[in-house]
N, C-alpha and C. Protein backbone atom coordinates (compact mmCIF):
# COMPACT_ATOMS: atom_id res chain seq x y z
N MET A 1 0.56 -1.01 0.17
CA MET A 1 0.06 -0.10 0.40
C MET A 1 0.86 1.48 -0.03
N ASP A 2 0.67 2.86 -1.04
CA ASP A 2 1.14 3.44 -0.78
C ASP A 2 1.13 4.54 0.12
N SER A 3 1.80 4.74 0.60
CA SER A 3 2.01 5.76 1.46
C SER A 3 1.38 7.32 1.61
N PHE A 4 0.74 8.21 2.40
CA PHE A 4 0.79 9.31 1.67
C PHE A 4 1.56 9.84 0.44
N ARG A 5 2.50 10.49 1.04
CA ARG A 5 3.82 10.77 0.44
C ARG A 5 3.78 10.15 -0.94
N ASP A 6 3.35 8.90 -1.05
CA ASP A 6 3.57 8.16 -2.35
C ASP A 6 2.88 8.60 -3.38
N LYS A 7 1.64 8.22 -2.69
CA LYS A 7 0.24 9.41 -3.25
C LYS A 7 0.33 10.83 -4.08
N VAL A 8 0.90 11.01 -2.99
CA VAL A 8 1.05 13.18 -3.75
C VAL A 8 2.05 12.55 -4.66
N TYR A 9 3.27 11.97 -4.37
CA TYR A 9 4.36 12.24 -5.65
C TYR A 9 3.23 11.90 -7.01
N LYS A 10 2.99 10.68 -6.81
CA LYS A 10 2.19 9.67 -7.92
C LYS A 10 1.55 10.75 -8.93
N ILE A 11 0.24 11.79 -8.20
CA ILE A 11 -0.37 12.49 -8.35
C ILE A 11 0.33 13.61 -9.23
N ALA A 12 1.06 14.17 -8.58
CA ALA A 12 1.98 15.46 -8.82
C ALA A 12 2.57 15.27 -10.10
N LYS A 13 3.16 13.58 -10.49
CA LYS A 13 3.83 13.22 -11.53
C LYS A 13 2.82 13.63 -12.59
N SER A 14 1.55 13.49 -12.74
CA SER A 14 0.57 13.28 -13.56
C SER A 14 -0.01 14.55 -14.07
N ILE A 15 0.67 15.88 -13.41
CA ILE A 15 0.15 16.92 -13.59
C ILE A 15 1.03 17.41 -14.91
N PRO A 16 0.07 17.91 -16.15
CA PRO A 16 0.64 17.90 -17.08
C PRO A 16 1.42 19.35 -17.48
N LYS A 17 2.29 19.50 -18.41
CA LYS A 17 3.08 20.82 -18.50
C LYS A 17 1.91 22.34 -19.22
N GLY A 18 2.39 23.53 -18.65
CA GLY A 18 1.70 24.32 -19.21
C GLY A 18 0.17 24.06 -17.85
N LYS A 19 0.05 23.71 -16.77
CA LYS A 19 -1.07 23.36 -15.78
C LYS A 19 -0.32 23.10 -14.42
N VAL A 20 -1.00 23.94 -13.35
CA VAL A 20 -0.40 23.67 -12.09
C VAL A 20 -1.41 23.07 -11.29
N ALA A 21 -1.48 22.75 -9.62
CA ALA A 21 -2.32 21.86 -8.67
C ALA A 21 -1.97 23.02 -8.24
N THR A 22 -3.32 22.85 -6.99
CA THR A 22 -2.62 23.42 -5.75
C THR A 22 -2.25 22.45 -4.33
N TYR A 23 -1.49 22.56 -3.41
CA TYR A 23 -1.18 22.07 -2.52
C TYR A 23 -1.95 21.33 -1.55
N GLY A 24 -3.44 22.14 -1.82
CA GLY A 24 -4.80 21.51 -1.37
C GLY A 24 -5.40 20.84 -1.82
N GLN A 25 -5.57 20.69 -3.20
CA GLN A 25 -5.90 19.85 -4.79
C GLN A 25 -5.70 18.47 -4.52
N LEU A 26 -3.76 18.51 -4.40
CA LEU A 26 -2.82 17.54 -3.95
C LEU A 26 -3.54 16.76 -2.64
N ALA A 27 -3.79 17.03 -2.09
CA ALA A 27 -3.90 16.40 -0.53
C ALA A 27 -5.61 16.22 -0.61
N ARG A 28 -6.85 16.67 -1.17
CA ARG A 28 -7.49 15.71 -1.30
C ARG A 28 -7.86 15.08 -2.12
N LEU A 29 -6.92 15.21 -3.13
CA LEU A 29 -7.01 13.48 -4.10
C LEU A 29 -5.89 12.56 -4.24
N ALA A 30 -5.40 12.49 -2.99
CA ALA A 30 -4.55 11.71 -2.04
C ALA A 30 -4.77 11.63 -0.85
N GLY A 31 -6.48 11.40 -0.45
CA GLY A 31 -7.22 11.31 0.33
C GLY A 31 -7.04 12.18 1.65
N LYS A 32 -6.43 12.83 2.14
CA LYS A 32 -5.93 13.66 2.95
C LYS A 32 -6.44 15.17 3.19
N PRO A 33 -7.87 15.83 2.66
CA PRO A 33 -7.92 17.15 2.63
C PRO A 33 -6.98 18.23 3.15
N LYS A 34 -6.83 17.65 4.67
CA LYS A 34 -6.51 18.69 5.75
C LYS A 34 -4.98 19.00 5.84
N ALA A 35 -4.37 18.58 4.47
CA ALA A 35 -3.00 18.11 4.84
C ALA A 35 -1.85 18.61 3.20
N ALA A 36 -2.71 19.49 3.42
CA ALA A 36 -1.89 20.71 2.46
C ALA A 36 -0.39 21.51 2.86
N ARG A 37 -0.29 21.76 4.20
CA ARG A 37 1.15 21.76 4.87
C ARG A 37 2.36 20.49 4.60
N ALA A 38 1.45 19.46 4.89
CA ALA A 38 2.46 18.18 4.69
C ALA A 38 2.93 18.20 3.20
N VAL A 39 1.79 18.11 1.99
CA VAL A 39 1.88 18.22 0.81
C VAL A 39 3.23 19.42 0.00
N GLY A 40 3.36 20.81 1.15
CA GLY A 40 4.11 21.20 1.24
C GLY A 40 5.15 21.10 1.18
N GLY A 41 5.73 20.41 2.41
CA GLY A 41 6.59 19.41 2.80
C GLY A 41 7.07 18.81 2.01
N PHE A 42 6.64 17.83 1.24
CA PHE A 42 6.90 16.90 0.40
C PHE A 42 7.28 17.49 -1.06
N MET A 43 6.93 18.68 -1.40
CA MET A 43 7.92 19.44 -2.17
C MET A 43 8.71 19.89 -2.35
N ARG A 44 9.40 20.33 -1.25
CA ARG A 44 10.47 21.07 -0.44
C ARG A 44 11.55 19.78 -0.56
N THR A 45 10.80 18.83 -0.90
CA THR A 45 12.20 17.85 -0.08
C THR A 45 11.89 16.87 -1.35
N ASN A 46 11.46 17.06 -2.70
CA ASN A 46 11.06 16.15 -3.33
C ASN A 46 12.27 15.39 -4.16
N PRO A 47 12.59 14.24 -3.53
CA PRO A 47 14.03 13.82 -4.30
C PRO A 47 13.76 12.94 -5.53
N TYR A 48 12.54 13.02 -6.30
CA TYR A 48 12.33 12.81 -7.60
C TYR A 48 11.83 13.90 -8.61
N ALA A 49 12.38 15.00 -8.22
CA ALA A 49 12.65 15.85 -8.94
C ALA A 49 13.39 15.76 -10.77
N PRO A 50 13.06 16.34 -11.72
CA PRO A 50 12.05 16.93 -12.37
C PRO A 50 10.87 15.80 -12.81
N VAL A 51 11.16 14.48 -12.26
CA VAL A 51 10.21 13.43 -12.82
C VAL A 51 8.88 14.36 -12.15
N VAL A 52 9.00 13.99 -10.93
CA VAL A 52 7.81 15.26 -10.07
C VAL A 52 8.12 16.17 -10.45
N PRO A 53 7.46 16.93 -10.94
CA PRO A 53 7.46 18.35 -11.54
C PRO A 53 6.89 19.31 -9.82
N CYS A 54 7.49 19.47 -9.36
CA CYS A 54 6.74 19.69 -7.70
C CYS A 54 6.95 21.76 -7.90
N HIS A 55 7.70 22.17 -9.27
CA HIS A 55 7.23 23.72 -9.70
C HIS A 55 6.08 24.08 -9.92
N ARG A 56 5.15 22.35 -10.80
CA ARG A 56 4.10 22.62 -10.70
C ARG A 56 3.07 23.28 -9.97
N VAL A 57 3.20 22.81 -8.10
CA VAL A 57 1.98 23.35 -7.44
C VAL A 57 1.93 24.71 -6.95
N VAL A 58 1.28 24.97 -6.32
CA VAL A 58 0.91 26.49 -6.05
C VAL A 58 0.23 26.40 -4.87
N ALA A 59 0.08 27.75 -4.82
CA ALA A 59 -1.11 28.05 -2.92
C ALA A 59 -2.17 28.33 -3.61
N ALA A 60 -3.12 27.88 -2.89
CA ALA A 60 -4.43 28.49 -3.37
C ALA A 60 -5.03 29.40 -4.39
N ASP A 61 -4.17 30.27 -3.65
CA ASP A 61 -4.58 31.76 -4.37
C ASP A 61 -4.08 32.12 -5.93
N GLY A 62 -3.22 31.28 -6.14
CA GLY A 62 -1.56 31.17 -7.53
C GLY A 62 -0.65 31.45 -6.96
N SER A 63 -0.47 31.78 -5.56
CA SER A 63 0.81 32.51 -5.30
C SER A 63 1.79 30.98 -5.58
N LEU A 64 3.34 31.95 -5.88
CA LEU A 64 4.67 31.05 -5.97
C LEU A 64 5.09 30.93 -4.66
N THR A 65 4.52 30.00 -3.61
CA THR A 65 4.87 30.30 -2.16
C THR A 65 6.68 29.59 -1.87
N GLY A 66 7.00 29.11 -2.56
CA GLY A 66 8.13 28.43 -2.93
C GLY A 66 8.54 27.52 -3.93
N TYR A 67 9.67 27.16 -3.88
CA TYR A 67 10.82 26.38 -4.87
C TYR A 67 11.77 26.36 -4.05
N SER A 68 12.48 25.18 -3.93
CA SER A 68 13.86 24.75 -3.19
C SER A 68 15.02 24.62 -4.39
N GLY A 69 14.47 24.60 -5.63
CA GLY A 69 15.77 24.33 -6.50
C GLY A 69 16.40 25.79 -6.58
N ASP A 70 17.61 25.63 -7.30
CA ASP A 70 17.95 27.12 -7.47
C ASP A 70 17.36 27.73 -8.08
N GLY A 71 17.16 29.20 -8.35
CA GLY A 71 17.04 30.26 -8.85
C GLY A 71 15.39 30.46 -7.73
N GLY A 72 15.02 29.92 -6.87
CA GLY A 72 14.01 30.42 -5.88
C GLY A 72 13.00 30.09 -6.86
N VAL A 73 11.93 30.97 -6.07
CA VAL A 73 10.34 31.32 -7.02
C VAL A 73 10.60 32.13 -8.36
N LYS A 74 11.76 33.06 -8.42
CA LYS A 74 12.01 33.27 -10.00
C LYS A 74 12.07 32.44 -10.47
N ARG A 75 12.67 31.65 -10.47
CA ARG A 75 12.94 30.26 -11.89
C ARG A 75 11.94 29.22 -11.22
N LYS A 76 10.98 29.15 -10.39
CA LYS A 76 10.08 28.42 -10.45
C LYS A 76 8.88 29.35 -11.94
N LYS A 77 9.09 30.59 -11.74
CA LYS A 77 8.08 31.57 -12.40
C LYS A 77 8.65 31.26 -13.62
N GLU A 78 9.47 31.18 -14.19
CA GLU A 78 10.51 31.41 -15.38
C GLU A 78 10.34 29.59 -16.29
N MET A 79 10.58 28.85 -15.10
CA MET A 79 9.41 27.36 -15.61
C MET A 79 8.11 27.47 -16.11
N LEU A 80 7.47 28.07 -15.06
CA LEU A 80 5.96 27.66 -15.57
C LEU A 80 5.74 28.36 -16.79
N LEU A 81 5.91 29.35 -17.03
CA LEU A 81 5.86 30.42 -18.25
C LEU A 81 6.74 29.76 -19.05
N ALA A 82 7.58 29.25 -18.84
CA ALA A 82 7.77 28.37 -20.30
C ALA A 82 7.34 27.68 -20.83
N GLU A 83 6.20 26.43 -19.84
CA GLU A 83 5.61 25.27 -20.25
C GLU A 83 3.93 25.74 -20.59
N GLY A 84 3.96 27.10 -20.76
CA GLY A 84 2.60 27.60 -21.13
C GLY A 84 1.59 28.15 -19.73
N ALA A 85 2.22 28.03 -18.43
CA ALA A 85 0.88 28.41 -17.63
C ALA A 85 0.53 30.12 -17.78
N GLU A 86 -0.28 30.61 -17.22
CA GLU A 86 -0.75 31.59 -17.62
C GLU A 86 -0.69 32.54 -15.88
N PHE A 87 -0.28 33.71 -16.09
CA PHE A 87 -0.23 34.46 -14.89
C PHE A 87 -0.91 35.63 -15.10
N LYS A 88 -1.43 35.85 -13.89
CA LYS A 88 -1.91 37.27 -13.50
C LYS A 88 -0.73 38.46 -12.78
N GLY A 89 -0.31 39.07 -13.02
CA GLY A 89 1.03 39.50 -12.33
C GLY A 89 1.97 38.35 -11.78
N GLU A 90 2.03 38.15 -10.31
CA GLU A 90 3.06 37.38 -9.95
C GLU A 90 2.28 35.80 -9.32
N ARG A 91 1.26 35.71 -9.50
CA ARG A 91 0.47 34.62 -9.45
C ARG A 91 -0.05 33.87 -10.46
N VAL A 92 -0.40 32.89 -10.96
CA VAL A 92 -1.23 31.57 -11.45
C VAL A 92 -2.36 32.64 -11.52
N ASP A 93 -2.79 32.24 -13.12
CA ASP A 93 -4.01 32.91 -13.07
C ASP A 93 -4.57 30.94 -13.52
N LEU A 94 -5.25 30.95 -12.14
CA LEU A 94 -6.00 29.27 -12.34
C LEU A 94 -7.02 29.56 -12.77
N GLU A 95 -7.96 30.51 -13.91
CA GLU A 95 -9.08 30.26 -13.84
C GLU A 95 -8.75 29.50 -15.65
N LYS A 96 -7.59 29.83 -16.22
CA LYS A 96 -6.99 29.10 -16.85
C LYS A 96 -5.51 28.22 -16.98
N SER A 97 -5.31 28.50 -15.87
CA SER A 97 -4.24 26.70 -16.03
C SER A 97 -4.28 26.19 -14.26
N LEU A 98 -5.19 25.74 -14.17
CA LEU A 98 -5.58 25.04 -13.17
C LEU A 98 -5.67 23.76 -13.68
N TRP A 99 -5.09 22.79 -12.99
CA TRP A 99 -5.25 21.58 -13.86
C TRP A 99 -6.74 20.78 -13.05
N LYS A 100 -7.54 19.96 -14.27
CA LYS A 100 -8.74 19.68 -13.37
C LYS A 100 -8.62 18.09 -13.90
N ARG A 101 -8.46 17.54 -12.39
CA ARG A 101 -8.57 16.14 -12.38
C ARG A 101 -9.64 15.79 -11.40
């Protein structure tokens, strides 16, 4: 049986280029809707990057709340833009770029 962490990584792996998921969305999909902070911790310590694209996970309001890779949040935004995600200012436009699953 997969652990919660394994489920989160498996789901995050399926977020397509140009789309994002929220920490809360991944928590719900993995079966623990109140565990968004834990999902954030998993993304911060993701040993499977870039296979598990942690840069495609954002806050509930589209904010880029962190990225532990080189370049930090600035690099996260650059990667998302290069993949086709749309922004409103510094936040991902969730109406256009939220992954529907």
